[in-house]
């Protein structure tokens, strides 16, 4: 089987794991979440409802584009940083929504935002358009990390 096809498939599988895994924990206790003191810079729920489908779609497309455009080493680097960033984001979802550990959740989401930087740079290397399409994801993860710290400070 072609290496680039395998890396594309792994990247897309990671997106599905990300979407499914975060959905499980985020929806685990909606009443609890509604009771929290929210940071004033939190976007409206409608924005959150729009950005995640966009992010997951673009991440899947980027996984394919990167696999087709970059070298073997760059593909492996992409998958490593992408995988670790997803693991950190899922750690946030679990820590925030299940044991409600805001400190660990904040550290995890800050790690996800930092781990996403090489992913963004490699996307730009693959294609200027792909990099630009991923900029909203990087911005969102960074905002989400700041929100995590805001929740820690307020709750």
C-alpha atoms as a PDB file:
ATOM      1  CA  UNK A   1       0.000   0.000   0.000  1.00  0.00           C
ATOM      2  CA  UNK A   2       1.152   3.549  -0.774  1.00  0.00           C
ATOM      3  CA  UNK A   3       2.781   5.392   2.167  1.00  0.00           C
ATOM      4  CA  UNK A   4       0.971   8.641   1.359  1.00  0.00           C
ATOM      5  CA  UNK A   5      -2.380   6.878   1.291  1.00  0.00           C
ATOM      6  CA  UNK A   6      -1.650   5.281   4.659  1.00  0.00           C
ATOM      7  CA  UNK A   7      -0.679   8.620   6.225  1.00  0.00           C
ATOM      8  CA  UNK A   8      -3.804  10.252   4.796  1.00  0.00           C
ATOM      9  CA  UNK A   9      -5.968   7.463   6.227  1.00  0.00           C
ATOM     10  CA  UNK A  10      -4.288   7.717   9.639  1.00  0.00           C
ATOM     11  CA  UNK A  11      -4.794  11.499   9.675  1.00  0.00           C
ATOM     12  CA  UNK A  12      -8.470  11.167   8.789  1.00  0.00           C
ATOM     13  CA  UNK A  13      -8.898   8.422  11.399  1.00  0.00           C
ATOM     14  CA  UNK A  14      -7.387  10.790  13.990  1.00  0.00           C
ATOM     15  CA  UNK A  15      -9.997  13.415  13.064  1.00  0.00           C
ATOM     16  CA  UNK A  16     -12.789  10.873  13.618  1.00  0.00           C
ATOM     17  CA  UNK A  17     -11.286   9.878  16.982  1.00  0.00           C
ATOM     18  CA  UNK A  18     -11.039  13.563  17.906  1.00  0.00           C
ATOM     19  CA  UNK A  19     -14.654  14.312  16.970  1.00  0.00           C
ATOM     20  CA  UNK A  20     -16.075  11.177  18.587  1.00  0.00           C
ATOM     21  CA  UNK A  21     -13.936  11.310  21.737  1.00  0.00           C
ATOM     22  CA  UNK A  22     -14.564  14.950  22.498  1.00  0.00           C
ATOM     23  CA  UNK A  23     -18.277  14.549  21.815  1.00  0.00           C
ATOM     24  CA  UNK A  24     -18.585  11.832  24.427  1.00  0.00           C
ATOM     25  CA  UNK A  25     -17.110  13.878  27.260  1.00  0.00           C
ATOM     26  CA  UNK A  26     -18.416  17.305  26.270  1.00  0.00           C
ATOM     27  CA  UNK A  27     -21.998  16.056  26.379  1.00  0.00           C
ATOM     28  CA  UNK A  28     -21.542  14.139  29.639  1.00  0.00           C
ATOM     29  CA  UNK A  29     -23.022  16.725  32.039  1.00  0.00           C
ATOM     30  CA  UNK A  30     -24.680  19.720  30.349  1.00  0.00           C
ATOM     31  CA  UNK A  31     -26.381  20.910  33.543  1.00  0.00           C
ATOM     32  CA  UNK A  32     -23.056  21.203  35.309  1.00  0.00           C
ATOM     33  CA  UNK A  33     -21.538  23.225  32.463  1.00  0.00           C
ATOM     34  CA  UNK A  34     -24.485  25.664  32.432  1.00  0.00           C
ATOM     35  CA  UNK A  35     -23.880  26.386  36.130  1.00  0.00           C
ATOM     36  CA  UNK A  36     -20.297  27.607  35.593  1.00  0.00           C
ATOM     37  CA  UNK A  37     -19.169  31.226  35.723  1.00  0.00           C
ATOM     38  CA  UNK A  38     -18.103  31.865  32.130  1.00  0.00           C
ATOM     39  CA  UNK A  39     -15.256  34.093  31.039  1.00  0.00           C
ATOM     40  CA  UNK A  40     -16.596  37.274  29.406  1.00  0.00           C
ATOM     41  CA  UNK A  41     -14.675  36.584  26.179  1.00  0.00           C
ATOM     42  CA  UNK A  42     -16.430  33.263  25.544  1.00  0.00           C
ATOM     43  CA  UNK A  43     -18.015  33.287  22.073  1.00  0.00           C
ATOM     44  CA  UNK A  44     -21.752  32.636  21.760  1.00  0.00           C
ATOM     45  CA  UNK A  45     -22.893  29.019  21.499  1.00  0.00           C
ATOM     46  CA  UNK A  46     -23.811  29.553  17.829  1.00  0.00           C
ATOM     47  CA  UNK A  47     -20.173  30.312  16.991  1.00  0.00           C
ATOM     48  CA  UNK A  48     -19.034  27.186  18.824  1.00  0.00           C
ATOM     49  CA  UNK A  49     -21.657  25.168  16.950  1.00  0.00           C
ATOM     50  CA  UNK A  50     -20.304  26.437  13.612  1.00  0.00           C
ATOM     51  CA  UNK A  51     -16.574  26.312  14.256  1.00  0.00           C
ATOM     52  CA  UNK A  52     -16.291  22.647  15.232  1.00  0.00           C
ATOM     53  CA  UNK A  53     -17.802  21.154  12.068  1.00  0.00           C
ATOM     54  CA  UNK A  54     -15.578  23.525  10.084  1.00  0.00           C
ATOM     55  CA  UNK A  55     -12.501  22.517  12.111  1.00  0.00           C
ATOM     56  CA  UNK A  56     -13.097  18.779  11.790  1.00  0.00           C
ATOM     57  CA  UNK A  57     -13.755  19.062   8.046  1.00  0.00           C
ATOM     58  CA  UNK A  58     -10.644  21.160   7.405  1.00  0.00           C
ATOM     59  CA  UNK A  59      -8.495  18.887   9.569  1.00  0.00           C
ATOM     60  CA  UNK A  60      -9.608  15.898   7.497  1.00  0.00           C
ATOM     61  CA  UNK A  61      -8.892  17.717   4.229  1.00  0.00           C
ATOM     62  CA  UNK A  62      -5.532  18.898   5.578  1.00  0.00           C
ATOM     63  CA  UNK A  63      -4.610  15.332   6.506  1.00  0.00           C
ATOM     64  CA  UNK A  64      -5.159  14.311   2.910  1.00  0.00           C
ATOM     65  CA  UNK A  65      -3.424  17.368   1.408  1.00  0.00           C
ATOM     66  CA  UNK A  66      -0.384  17.077   3.667  1.00  0.00           C
ATOM     67  CA  UNK A  67      -0.013  13.378   2.908  1.00  0.00           C
ATOM     68  CA  UNK A  68       0.014  14.120  -0.818  1.00  0.00           C
ATOM     69  CA  UNK A  69       2.315  17.154  -0.761  1.00  0.00           C
ATOM     70  CA  UNK A  70       5.016  16.570   1.816  1.00  0.00           C
ATOM     71  CA  UNK A  71       7.959  14.226   2.206  1.00  0.00           C
ATOM     72  CA  UNK A  72       7.855  11.026   4.213  1.00  0.00           C
ATOM     73  CA  UNK A  73       9.638  12.702   7.149  1.00  0.00           C
ATOM     74  CA  UNK A  74       7.250  15.673   7.049  1.00  0.00           C
ATOM     75  CA  UNK A  75       4.271  13.305   6.927  1.00  0.00           C
ATOM     76  CA  UNK A  76       5.499  11.444   9.988  1.00  0.00           C
ATOM     77  CA  UNK A  77       6.147  14.769  11.731  1.00  0.00           C
ATOM     78  CA  UNK A  78       2.624  15.945  10.816  1.00  0.00           C
ATOM     79  CA  UNK A  79       1.051  12.767  12.189  1.00  0.00           C
ATOM     80  CA  UNK A  80       3.095  12.911  15.393  1.00  0.00           C
ATOM     81  CA  UNK A  81       2.236  16.525  16.224  1.00  0.00           C
ATOM     82  CA  UNK A  82      -1.341  16.100  15.030  1.00  0.00           C
ATOM     83  CA  UNK A  83      -1.775  12.965  17.138  1.00  0.00           C
ATOM     84  CA  UNK A  84      -0.237  14.530  20.242  1.00  0.00           C
ATOM     85  CA  UNK A  85      -2.334  17.689  19.814  1.00  0.00           C
ATOM     86  CA  UNK A  86      -5.484  15.573  19.584  1.00  0.00           C
ATOM     87  CA  UNK A  87      -4.454  13.548  22.641  1.00  0.00           C
ATOM     88  CA  UNK A  88      -3.965  16.823  24.541  1.00  0.00           C
ATOM     89  CA  UNK A  89      -7.341  18.165  23.355  1.00  0.00           C
ATOM     90  CA  UNK A  90      -9.083  14.947  24.379  1.00  0.00           C
ATOM     91  CA  UNK A  91      -7.331  15.119  27.743  1.00  0.00           C
ATOM     92  CA  UNK A  92      -8.801  18.599  28.151  1.00  0.00           C
ATOM     93  CA  UNK A  93     -12.307  17.344  27.309  1.00  0.00           C
ATOM     94  CA  UNK A  94     -12.010  14.506  29.811  1.00  0.00           C
ATOM     95  CA  UNK A  95     -10.411  16.575  32.606  1.00  0.00           C
ATOM     96  CA  UNK A  96     -12.834  19.470  32.185  1.00  0.00           C
ATOM     97  CA  UNK A  97     -16.084  17.518  31.855  1.00  0.00           C
ATOM     98  CA  UNK A  98     -15.550  14.334  33.849  1.00  0.00           C
ATOM     99  CA  UNK A  99     -13.491  14.933  37.004  1.00  0.00           C
ATOM    100  CA  UNK A 100     -13.853  18.746  36.508  1.00  0.00           C
ATOM    101  CA  UNK A 101     -10.149  19.291  37.023  1.00  0.00           C
ATOM    102  CA  UNK A 102      -9.782  22.784  35.578  1.00  0.00           C
ATOM    103  CA  UNK A 103      -6.036  23.009  36.177  1.00  0.00           C
ATOM    104  CA  UNK A 104      -5.169  19.827  34.267  1.00  0.00           C
ATOM    105  CA  UNK A 105      -7.727  20.753  31.619  1.00  0.00           C
ATOM    106  CA  UNK A 106      -6.093  24.159  31.137  1.00  0.00           C
ATOM    107  CA  UNK A 107      -2.618  22.674  30.900  1.00  0.00           C
ATOM    108  CA  UNK A 108      -3.836  20.068  28.408  1.00  0.00           C
ATOM    109  CA  UNK A 109      -5.546  22.595  26.139  1.00  0.00           C
ATOM    110  CA  UNK A 110      -2.570  24.949  26.241  1.00  0.00           C
ATOM    111  CA  UNK A 111      -0.430  21.979  25.216  1.00  0.00           C
ATOM    112  CA  UNK A 112      -2.842  21.235  22.373  1.00  0.00           C
ATOM    113  CA  UNK A 113      -2.586  24.831  21.141  1.00  0.00           C
ATOM    114  CA  UNK A 114       1.223  24.671  21.204  1.00  0.00           C
ATOM    115  CA  UNK A 115       1.339  21.249  19.534  1.00  0.00           C
ATOM    116  CA  UNK A 116      -0.910  22.545  16.782  1.00  0.00           C
ATOM    117  CA  UNK A 117       1.652  25.176  15.702  1.00  0.00           C
ATOM    118  CA  UNK A 118       3.895  22.670  13.841  1.00  0.00           C
ATOM    119  CA  UNK A 119       0.737  21.175  12.290  1.00  0.00           C
ATOM    120  CA  UNK A 120      -0.181  24.615  10.970  1.00  0.00           C
ATOM    121  CA  UNK A 121       3.336  25.255   9.673  1.00  0.00           C
ATOM    122  CA  UNK A 122       3.392  21.934   7.845  1.00  0.00           C
ATOM    123  CA  UNK A 123      -0.017  22.685   6.363  1.00  0.00           C
ATOM    124  CA  UNK A 124       1.374  25.945   4.984  1.00  0.00           C
ATOM    125  CA  UNK A 125       4.317  24.003   3.606  1.00  0.00           C
ATOM    126  CA  UNK A 126       1.922  21.644   1.833  1.00  0.00           C
ATOM    127  CA  UNK A 127      -0.213  24.458   0.428  1.00  0.00           C
ATOM    128  CA  UNK A 128      -0.734  28.134   1.178  1.00  0.00           C
ATOM    129  CA  UNK A 129      -4.491  27.621   0.821  1.00  0.00           C
ATOM    130  CA  UNK A 130      -4.450  24.671   3.244  1.00  0.00           C
ATOM    131  CA  UNK A 131      -2.479  26.659   5.780  1.00  0.00           C
ATOM    132  CA  UNK A 132      -4.922  29.545   5.524  1.00  0.00           C
ATOM    133  CA  UNK A 133      -7.861  27.176   5.957  1.00  0.00           C
ATOM    134  CA  UNK A 134      -6.273  25.851   9.174  1.00  0.00           C
ATOM    135  CA  UNK A 135      -5.647  29.290  10.687  1.00  0.00           C
ATOM    136  CA  UNK A 136      -9.173  29.413  12.210  1.00  0.00           C
ATOM    137  CA  UNK A 137      -8.465  26.087  13.946  1.00  0.00           C
ATOM    138  CA  UNK A 138      -5.250  27.449  15.462  1.00  0.00           C
ATOM    139  CA  UNK A 139      -7.059  30.598  16.559  1.00  0.00           C
ATOM    140  CA  UNK A 140      -9.908  28.537  18.004  1.00  0.00           C
ATOM    141  CA  UNK A 141      -7.652  26.203  19.975  1.00  0.00           C
ATOM    142  CA  UNK A 142      -5.776  29.222  21.343  1.00  0.00           C
ATOM    143  CA  UNK A 143      -9.018  30.947  22.357  1.00  0.00           C
ATOM    144  CA  UNK A 144     -10.240  27.695  23.896  1.00  0.00           C
ATOM    145  CA  UNK A 145      -7.013  27.435  25.913  1.00  0.00           C
ATOM    146  CA  UNK A 146      -7.509  30.980  27.205  1.00  0.00           C
ATOM    147  CA  UNK A 147     -11.111  30.078  28.075  1.00  0.00           C
ATOM    148  CA  UNK A 148      -9.903  27.032  30.010  1.00  0.00           C
ATOM    149  CA  UNK A 149      -7.701  29.281  32.127  1.00  0.00           C
ATOM    150  CA  UNK A 150     -10.638  31.684  32.486  1.00  0.00           C
ATOM    151  CA  UNK A 151     -12.852  28.887  33.806  1.00  0.00           C
ATOM    152  CA  UNK A 152     -10.097  27.890  36.228  1.00  0.00           C
ATOM    153  CA  UNK A 153      -9.904  31.453  37.574  1.00  0.00           C
ATOM    154  CA  UNK A 154     -13.694  31.839  37.914  1.00  0.00           C
ATOM    155  CA  UNK A 155     -14.814  28.443  39.235  1.00  0.00           C
END
